[in-house]
Amino acid sequence: MSLRLLVIGEREEYRRLVRLHLEIQWADVAIVEHALGVDTPLDGAFAAAGFDAVIIVVAPPSGVVDRLVADLLARPEFAPVVLVSLDNAPANPKAMPGLHRLYGRKIDRERLIQVLEQASEEHKQTLAMMRANPDFDKRYRFGTSLIRGHRCIRQVGSGGMCKIYLAESERAGTLVVLKVFNQVPDVSERIVGFDRFLQEYQIVASLNHRNIVRIYDLGIADDHAYIAMEHFPAGDLRQRMKAPMSPTDAVYFLEQIAGALAAIHGVGVLHRDLKPANVMLRGDGTLCLIDFGLAKANELGADLTGTREIFGTPYYMSPEQGHAELIDERSDLYSLGVVFYEMLTGRKPFTGTNAMEVIYKHKRAELPEIAPQLSAYESLLRRLLAKSPADRFQSARELLQNIAELKAPA
């Protein structure tokens, strides 16, 4: 019997204890852990669709857990919940549909296994009844495309080449952002946008870095390509920058983005559209680089945007990118410099009434004067925002070294 289980608990040792019991019984059990109070709270749309059961382990019971159990059981179609309370049983525990309770100072493995088998069997029967409903497939409908294994929650955006949805991935066991490409063109009708779409997955899927978006799935359904990637309920850096940011936080974020750039540059890839909207926040405060749709794989020699075309966001473009000149990783570092300047000062270094004025200023205008209280970061800013690539940091790794020296105690 192969089960897929979600284990929720405040204390790591309790989650680990449950995992040990489960792995002794089932060598092939798949377990996902959720640290209550540490990990991002479970989204209200999450239904644990990819799990056979959800185990909540707690000692002693608390109001937080009671509210969590009530919330999960109130969600339509939620997986069975097994509450493991490492405490003596109350005199009259309240019975709740969909809830299985285990009490005791120690975990009774035999009883736990018995309850899980019962709960998972009940869940299978419920799912079988749901699948018999003619409307069952509607949950997997994304516009005109049917993508099984991903339950559609709602559309959250759209672009020229794709629509963007919030979905629950049964395979990943979490909410994901699903980008659904408008159409898969015939080989004879390949379009640049589609190549960029596929390249976004190929670039990111080859990396495993904490500051680069996780990719869960890629496929084609009903002549539509799709890509399932990490969901960021905490929002993006642009939203974070609306509130005042301390220099310490700005340097912390700078270091994380530089680390992500070092990783992609290390495999011969440029981002080419680095801006606050493409830097996402996780619940633990870490940053994550997304949206490689304009990325260029240098090692493949493929310029998907054509010769001397301008792509990106003018406020964050390097001088050479804005003038459609050849670019390398130092262009991404310039864009990062613009983001760092904005984090420190609360404003962009160059603005204008139109895109061409901004592009001109990046190439010709002097960097605005740095406030005296930010003088410790002036040298770093001027090297990042140097007009000539030769005067900038020559790599993200060199930048990281400089950041480490800046943070080192005097």
Protein backbone atom coordinates (compact mmCIF):
# COMPACT_ATOMS: atom_id res chain seq x y z
CA MET A 1 0.00 0.00 0.00
CA SER A 2 1.58 3.28 -1.12
CA LEU A 3 0.29 6.42 0.56
CA ARG A 4 0.92 10.12 0.12
CA LEU A 5 0.55 12.00 3.39
CA LEU A 6 0.79 15.57 4.62
CA VAL A 7 2.14 15.85 8.18
CA ILE A 8 1.44 19.10 10.02
CA GLY A 9 2.87 20.04 13.40
CA GLU A 10 4.48 22.85 15.38
CA ARG A 11 7.40 20.81 16.71
CA GLU A 12 9.94 19.19 14.42
CA GLU A 13 10.56 16.24 16.77
CA TYR A 14 6.87 15.28 16.68
CA ARG A 15 6.72 15.45 12.87
CA ARG A 16 9.91 13.38 12.73
CA LEU A 17 8.44 10.81 15.11
CA VAL A 18 5.34 10.42 12.94
CA ARG A 19 7.54 10.11 9.85
CA LEU A 20 9.57 7.34 11.52
CA HIS A 21 6.47 5.30 12.32
CA LEU A 22 5.13 5.70 8.80
CA GLU A 23 8.40 4.79 7.08
CA ILE A 24 8.76 1.68 9.23
CA GLN A 25 5.35 0.52 8.05
CA TRP A 26 5.59 1.67 4.40
CA ALA A 27 9.02 2.00 2.83
CA ASP A 28 7.58 3.80 -0.18
CA VAL A 29 5.35 6.26 1.71
CA ALA A 30 5.54 9.83 0.37
CA ILE A 31 5.50 12.44 3.13
CA VAL A 32 5.31 16.22 2.89
CA GLU A 33 5.86 18.15 6.12
CA HIS A 34 4.33 21.49 7.07
CA ALA A 35 5.81 23.34 10.04
CA LEU A 36 2.89 25.04 11.73
CA GLY A 37 3.71 28.63 12.60
CA VAL A 38 6.85 28.63 10.44
CA ASP A 39 5.79 27.71 6.92
CA THR A 40 3.35 29.90 5.01
CA PRO A 41 -0.18 29.11 6.31
CA LEU A 42 -2.18 26.76 4.13
CA ASP A 43 -4.09 28.79 1.58
CA GLY A 44 -7.85 28.89 2.00
CA ALA A 45 -8.27 27.27 -1.43
CA PHE A 46 -5.98 24.33 -0.60
CA ALA A 47 -7.89 21.01 -0.44
CA ALA A 48 -5.01 18.51 -0.05
CA ALA A 49 -6.21 16.94 -3.31
CA GLY A 50 -2.96 15.08 -3.85
CA PHE A 51 -2.90 13.39 -0.43
CA ASP A 52 -4.54 10.27 0.94
CA ALA A 53 -4.77 11.87 4.39
CA VAL A 54 -3.53 14.79 6.46
CA ILE A 55 -1.94 14.10 9.86
CA ILE A 56 -1.83 16.83 12.50
CA VAL A 57 0.40 16.00 15.47
CA VAL A 58 0.28 18.13 18.59
CA ALA A 59 1.03 18.00 22.33
CA PRO A 60 -0.85 19.22 24.19
CA PRO A 61 -3.88 20.33 22.14
CA SER A 62 -4.10 24.07 21.57
CA GLY A 63 -6.59 26.63 20.35
CA VAL A 64 -4.48 27.17 17.22
CA VAL A 65 -4.76 23.49 16.29
CA ASP A 66 -8.46 23.38 17.13
CA ARG A 67 -9.10 26.30 14.77
CA LEU A 68 -6.93 24.72 12.08
CA VAL A 69 -8.82 21.41 12.30
CA ALA A 70 -12.19 23.18 12.10
CA ASP A 71 -11.00 25.24 9.12
CA LEU A 72 -9.72 22.21 7.19
CA LEU A 73 -12.81 20.11 7.83
CA ALA A 74 -15.01 22.97 6.63
CA ARG A 75 -13.35 22.94 3.20
CA PRO A 76 -15.29 21.01 0.55
CA GLU A 77 -13.64 17.77 -0.58
CA PHE A 78 -10.72 18.13 1.85
CA ALA A 79 -8.71 14.95 2.47
CA PRO A 80 -9.37 13.03 5.73
CA VAL A 81 -7.72 14.54 8.81
CA VAL A 82 -6.02 12.40 11.46
CA LEU A 83 -5.41 14.32 14.67
CA VAL A 84 -2.64 12.77 16.79
CA SER A 85 -2.80 14.30 20.28
CA LEU A 86 0.13 13.27 22.47
CA ASP A 87 -2.01 13.61 25.55
CA ASN A 88 -4.64 11.69 27.47
CA ALA A 89 -8.05 11.51 25.84
CA PRO A 90 -10.71 13.93 27.13
CA ALA A 91 -13.84 12.50 28.74
CA ASN A 92 -16.11 13.16 25.77
CA PRO A 93 -14.21 14.03 22.59
CA LYS A 94 -16.45 15.76 20.07
CA ALA A 95 -17.08 13.68 16.95
CA MET A 96 -16.56 15.55 13.68
CA PRO A 97 -17.16 14.16 10.16
CA GLY A 98 -13.88 13.58 8.34
CA LEU A 99 -11.82 13.68 11.56
CA HIS A 100 -10.03 10.67 13.06
CA ARG A 101 -8.55 11.12 16.54
CA LEU A 102 -5.67 9.33 18.28
CA TYR A 103 -4.76 10.02 21.90
CA GLY A 104 -1.93 8.86 24.11
CA ARG A 105 1.36 9.98 25.62
CA LYS A 106 3.07 7.82 23.01
CA ILE A 107 2.12 7.11 19.44
CA ASP A 108 0.48 3.72 19.01
CA ARG A 109 1.91 2.72 15.63
CA GLU A 110 -0.50 -0.13 15.07
CA ARG A 111 -3.49 2.10 15.79
CA LEU A 112 -2.06 4.92 13.64
CA ILE A 113 -1.61 2.59 10.67
CA GLN A 114 -5.10 1.18 11.15
CA VAL A 115 -6.66 4.66 11.21
CA LEU A 116 -4.72 5.80 8.14
CA GLU A 117 -5.74 2.74 6.15
CA GLN A 118 -9.35 3.33 7.10
CA ALA A 119 -9.20 7.04 6.29
CA SER A 120 -7.47 6.53 2.94
CA GLU A 121 -9.98 3.86 1.93
CA GLU A 122 -12.87 6.18 2.76
CA HIS A 123 -11.17 8.91 0.74
CA LYS A 124 -10.81 6.63 -2.28
CA GLN A 125 -14.51 5.83 -2.16
CA THR A 126 -15.37 9.53 -1.95
CA LEU A 127 -13.15 10.31 -4.94
CA ALA A 128 -14.68 7.46 -6.92
CA MET A 129 -18.13 8.91 -6.35
CA MET A 130 -16.94 12.37 -7.35
CA ARG A 131 -15.37 11.08 -10.58
CA ALA A 132 -18.69 9.52 -11.53
CA ASN A 133 -20.22 12.99 -11.62
CA PRO A 134 -20.38 14.35 -15.21
CA ASP A 135 -19.14 17.73 -13.96
CA PHE A 136 -16.03 16.29 -12.30
CA ASP A 137 -13.66 17.28 -15.13
CA LYS A 138 -14.62 20.95 -14.82
CA ARG A 139 -12.18 21.30 -11.92
CA TYR A 140 -9.33 20.57 -14.35
CA ARG A 141 -10.51 23.04 -17.00
CA PHE A 142 -8.27 26.02 -17.72
CA GLY A 143 -10.06 28.01 -20.38
CA THR A 144 -10.43 25.60 -23.29
CA SER A 145 -7.69 23.29 -22.02
CA LEU A 146 -8.19 20.25 -19.78
CA ILE A 147 -5.11 19.69 -17.61
CA ARG A 148 -5.61 16.68 -15.35
CA GLY A 149 -3.82 16.64 -12.04
CA HIS A 150 -4.20 20.40 -11.60
CA ARG A 151 -7.38 21.73 -10.01
CA CYS A 152 -8.23 25.20 -11.27
CA ILE A 153 -8.87 27.73 -8.53
CA ARG A 154 -9.00 30.99 -10.48
CA GLN A 155 -7.34 32.98 -13.26
CA VAL A 156 -4.92 35.54 -11.85
CA GLY A 157 -3.47 37.14 -14.97
CA SER A 158 -2.81 36.99 -18.68
CA GLY A 159 -0.17 38.02 -21.15
CA GLY A 160 0.39 38.09 -24.86
CA MET A 161 1.29 34.41 -25.05
CA CYS A 162 -0.28 32.79 -22.00
CA LYS A 163 -2.93 32.90 -19.31
CA ILE A 164 -1.94 32.54 -15.67
CA TYR A 165 -3.95 30.59 -13.11
CA LEU A 166 -3.78 29.69 -9.45
CA ALA A 167 -4.16 25.93 -9.24
CA GLU A 168 -3.67 23.05 -6.86
CA SER A 169 -1.22 20.48 -8.13
CA GLU A 170 -2.10 16.97 -7.02
CA ARG A 171 1.41 15.85 -7.88
CA ALA A 172 3.22 18.63 -5.97
CA GLY A 173 0.70 18.62 -3.12
CA THR A 174 0.59 22.40 -3.02
CA LEU A 175 -0.82 25.46 -4.74
CA VAL A 176 1.02 26.43 -7.90
CA VAL A 177 1.00 29.14 -10.51
CA LEU A 178 0.02 27.54 -13.81
CA LYS A 179 1.02 29.31 -17.00
CA VAL A 180 -1.00 28.00 -19.93
CA PHE A 181 0.38 28.88 -23.33
CA ASN A 182 -2.29 30.01 -25.78
CA GLN A 183 -1.45 27.40 -28.39
CA VAL A 184 1.25 24.94 -29.36
CA PRO A 185 2.24 25.91 -32.91
CA ASP A 186 3.10 23.39 -35.58
CA VAL A 187 6.80 22.78 -36.10
CA SER A 188 6.57 24.67 -39.39
CA GLU A 189 4.97 27.61 -37.59
CA ARG A 190 7.25 27.94 -34.59
CA ILE A 191 6.94 31.33 -32.98
CA VAL A 192 9.47 33.14 -30.85
CA GLY A 193 7.14 33.40 -27.85
CA PHE A 194 6.65 29.67 -27.64
CA ASP A 195 10.38 29.02 -27.75
CA ARG A 196 10.83 31.47 -24.88
CA PHE A 197 8.07 29.72 -22.95
CA LEU A 198 9.78 26.32 -23.26
CA GLN A 199 13.16 27.81 -22.54
CA GLU A 200 11.86 29.26 -19.26
CA TYR A 201 11.27 25.72 -18.02
CA GLN A 202 14.50 24.30 -19.39
CA ILE A 203 16.56 26.98 -17.70
CA VAL A 204 14.95 26.80 -14.29
CA ALA A 205 14.42 23.04 -14.15
CA SER A 206 18.17 22.51 -14.54
CA LEU A 207 18.88 24.48 -11.36
CA ASN A 208 18.28 23.80 -7.68
CA HIS A 209 18.83 27.07 -5.89
CA ARG A 210 16.90 28.49 -2.97
CA ASN A 211 16.61 31.89 -4.67
CA ILE A 212 15.28 30.58 -7.99
CA VAL A 213 11.65 29.64 -8.55
CA ARG A 214 10.75 25.95 -8.23
CA ILE A 215 9.28 24.32 -11.32
CA TYR A 216 6.95 21.40 -10.62
CA ASP A 217 5.63 20.30 -13.99
CA LEU A 218 5.61 20.95 -17.72
CA GLY A 219 3.36 19.36 -20.28
CA ILE A 220 1.01 19.67 -23.21
CA ALA A 221 -2.75 19.19 -22.96
CA ASP A 222 -5.36 19.83 -25.66
CA ASP A 223 -2.74 21.52 -27.85
CA HIS A 224 -1.76 23.88 -25.03
CA ALA A 225 1.62 23.83 -23.31
CA TYR A 226 1.66 24.55 -19.59
CA ILE A 227 4.17 25.05 -16.84
CA ALA A 228 3.44 24.70 -13.11
CA MET A 229 5.67 26.71 -10.82
CA GLU A 230 5.97 27.85 -7.23
CA HIS A 231 3.21 30.07 -5.82
CA PHE A 232 4.19 33.17 -3.80
CA PRO A 233 1.32 34.37 -1.61
CA ALA A 234 3.65 36.88 0.08
CA GLY A 235 3.83 38.91 -3.15
CA ASP A 236 6.78 40.49 -4.94
CA LEU A 237 9.63 42.85 -4.16
CA ARG A 238 7.77 45.72 -5.81
CA GLN A 239 5.06 45.46 -3.15
CA ARG A 240 7.65 45.16 -0.38
CA MET A 241 9.39 48.32 -1.63
CA LYS A 242 6.24 50.37 -1.05
CA ALA A 243 7.17 50.35 2.64
CA PRO A 244 10.42 51.89 3.93
CA MET A 245 13.35 49.50 3.74
CA SER A 246 16.43 49.62 5.95
CA PRO A 247 19.88 49.44 4.33
CA THR A 248 20.42 46.14 6.16
CA ASP A 249 17.34 44.64 4.50
CA ALA A 250 18.36 46.09 1.11
CA VAL A 251 21.78 44.44 1.34
CA TYR A 252 20.16 41.16 2.49
CA PHE A 253 17.90 41.18 -0.56
CA LEU A 254 20.75 42.26 -2.85
CA GLU A 255 22.84 39.30 -1.72
CA GLN A 256 20.04 36.82 -2.43
CA ILE A 257 19.37 38.16 -5.93
CA ALA A 258 23.10 38.17 -6.67
CA GLY A 259 23.23 34.52 -5.60
CA ALA A 260 20.43 33.66 -8.03
CA LEU A 261 22.20 35.50 -10.85
CA ALA A 262 25.45 33.68 -10.07
CA ALA A 263 23.57 30.39 -10.48
CA ILE A 264 21.96 31.21 -13.83
CA HIS A 265 25.08 32.89 -15.17
CA GLY A 266 26.98 29.78 -14.17
CA VAL A 267 24.99 27.75 -16.70
CA GLY A 268 25.38 30.35 -19.44
CA VAL A 269 22.04 32.10 -19.06
CA LEU A 270 21.14 35.79 -18.82
CA HIS A 271 17.89 36.97 -17.27
CA ARG A 272 17.53 40.26 -19.22
CA ASP A 273 14.39 41.43 -17.41
CA LEU A 274 15.47 41.80 -13.79
CA LYS A 275 13.07 44.12 -11.96
CA PRO A 276 11.20 44.13 -8.62
CA ALA A 277 8.11 42.51 -10.15
CA ASN A 278 10.25 39.50 -11.13
CA VAL A 279 11.59 38.99 -7.61
CA MET A 280 9.14 37.19 -5.32
CA LEU A 281 8.99 36.83 -1.53
CA ARG A 282 8.51 33.63 0.41
CA GLY A 283 6.88 33.51 3.82
CA ASP A 284 10.27 33.01 5.51
CA GLY A 285 11.63 36.26 4.08
CA THR A 286 13.78 34.77 1.34
CA LEU A 287 13.63 36.12 -2.20
CA CYS A 288 13.14 34.16 -5.38
CA LEU A 289 13.92 35.09 -8.98
CA ILE A 290 11.18 34.31 -11.53
CA ASP A 291 10.13 34.92 -15.12
CA PHE A 292 12.83 33.76 -17.45
CA GLY A 293 10.68 34.46 -20.51
CA LEU A 294 13.26 36.90 -21.85
CA ALA A 295 16.24 34.83 -20.78
CA LYS A 296 18.87 33.93 -23.32
CA ALA A 297 20.81 30.68 -23.25
CA ASN A 298 24.28 31.82 -24.28
CA GLU A 299 25.67 28.32 -24.50
CA LEU A 300 23.06 27.39 -27.12
CA GLY A 301 23.92 30.41 -29.23
CA ALA A 302 20.20 31.11 -29.55
CA ASP A 303 19.09 34.74 -29.70
CA LEU A 304 15.35 34.22 -29.50
CA THR A 305 14.57 37.92 -29.54
CA GLY A 306 16.23 38.52 -32.87
CA THR A 307 19.02 40.88 -33.86
CA ARG A 308 19.20 44.34 -32.29
CA GLU A 309 15.75 44.21 -30.72
CA ILE A 310 15.01 45.76 -27.33
CA PHE A 311 13.25 43.67 -24.69
CA GLY A 312 12.87 44.35 -21.00
CA THR A 313 11.71 47.22 -18.78
CA PRO A 314 13.36 50.61 -19.54
CA TYR A 315 13.68 51.68 -15.90
CA TYR A 316 15.92 48.68 -15.21
CA MET A 317 17.74 48.29 -18.55
CA SER A 318 21.48 48.55 -18.80
CA PRO A 319 22.78 51.22 -21.23
CA GLU A 320 23.89 48.55 -23.71
CA GLN A 321 20.58 46.69 -23.55
CA GLY A 322 18.59 49.88 -24.06
CA HIS A 323 20.57 50.60 -27.22
CA ALA A 324 20.27 47.04 -28.57
CA GLU A 325 23.98 46.37 -28.22
CA LEU A 326 25.51 43.03 -27.32
CA ILE A 327 25.04 42.19 -23.66
CA ASP A 328 26.50 39.76 -21.15
CA GLU A 329 26.05 39.01 -17.46
CA ARG A 330 27.22 42.51 -16.54
CA SER A 331 23.96 43.82 -18.01
CA ASP A 332 22.00 41.84 -15.40
CA LEU A 333 24.27 43.29 -12.72
CA TYR A 334 23.42 46.81 -13.89
CA SER A 335 19.71 45.99 -13.60
CA LEU A 336 20.37 44.66 -10.11
CA GLY A 337 22.12 47.94 -9.33
CA VAL A 338 18.98 49.85 -10.30
CA VAL A 339 16.91 47.62 -8.00
CA PHE A 340 19.42 48.10 -5.16
CA TYR A 341 19.39 51.88 -5.65
CA GLU A 342 15.60 51.87 -5.46
CA MET A 343 15.60 49.69 -2.33
CA LEU A 344 18.01 52.08 -0.60
CA THR A 345 16.53 55.41 -1.67
CA GLY A 346 12.88 54.63 -2.41
CA ARG A 347 13.16 56.00 -5.95
CA LYS A 348 14.53 54.98 -9.33
CA PRO A 349 17.82 56.55 -10.42
CA PHE A 350 16.51 57.57 -13.86
CA THR A 351 12.97 58.52 -14.86
CA GLY A 352 11.43 60.30 -17.82
CA THR A 353 8.25 61.14 -19.68
CA ASN A 354 8.75 58.25 -22.10
CA ALA A 355 10.80 55.09 -22.53
CA MET A 356 13.39 56.63 -24.86
CA GLU A 357 14.16 59.43 -22.38
CA VAL A 358 14.80 56.85 -19.67
CA ILE A 359 16.99 54.79 -22.01
CA TYR A 360 18.97 57.92 -22.92
CA LYS A 361 19.57 58.77 -19.25
CA HIS A 362 20.87 55.29 -18.51
CA LYS A 363 23.45 55.85 -21.26
CA ARG A 364 24.37 59.51 -20.67
CA ALA A 365 23.08 60.98 -17.38
CA GLU A 366 25.15 61.11 -14.23
CA LEU A 367 24.01 58.98 -11.31
CA PRO A 368 22.03 61.15 -8.86
CA GLU A 369 23.93 62.15 -5.76
CA ILE A 370 23.87 59.59 -2.96
CA ALA A 371 22.56 60.83 0.41
CA PRO A 372 25.28 61.10 3.11
CA GLN A 373 23.60 58.47 5.31
CA LEU A 374 24.04 55.97 2.47
CA SER A 375 27.70 56.77 1.81
CA ALA A 376 28.77 53.27 2.92
CA TYR A 377 27.01 51.88 -0.17
CA GLU A 378 28.08 54.53 -2.71
CA SER A 379 31.07 52.62 -4.05
CA LEU A 380 28.97 49.48 -4.50
CA LEU A 381 26.23 51.42 -6.29
CA ARG A 382 28.62 53.23 -8.61
CA ARG A 383 30.29 50.01 -9.69
CA LEU A 384 26.94 48.31 -10.33
CA LEU A 385 25.61 51.32 -12.25
CA ALA A 386 28.73 52.18 -14.23
CA LYS A 387 27.91 53.18 -17.81
CA SER A 388 30.60 50.93 -19.25
CA PRO A 389 30.41 47.19 -18.53
CA ALA A 390 34.19 47.19 -18.08
CA ASP A 391 33.82 49.44 -15.02
CA ARG A 392 31.23 47.22 -13.29
CA PHE A 393 31.64 44.06 -11.30
CA GLN A 394 32.66 41.46 -13.85
CA SER A 395 30.54 38.68 -12.37
CA ALA A 396 27.85 38.03 -9.79
CA ARG A 397 30.40 36.05 -7.79
CA GLU A 398 32.66 39.10 -7.61
CA LEU A 399 29.66 41.11 -6.42
CA LEU A 400 28.93 38.52 -3.73
CA GLN A 401 32.50 38.75 -2.50
CA ASN A 402 32.18 42.52 -2.26
CA ILE A 403 28.91 42.21 -0.34
CA ALA A 404 30.57 39.82 2.12
CA GLU A 405 33.35 42.35 2.71
CA LEU A 406 30.79 45.12 3.18
CA LYS A 407 28.94 43.07 5.80
CA ALA A 408 32.12 42.02 7.63
CA PRO A 409 32.63 43.78 10.98
CA ALA A 410 35.15 46.62 10.86
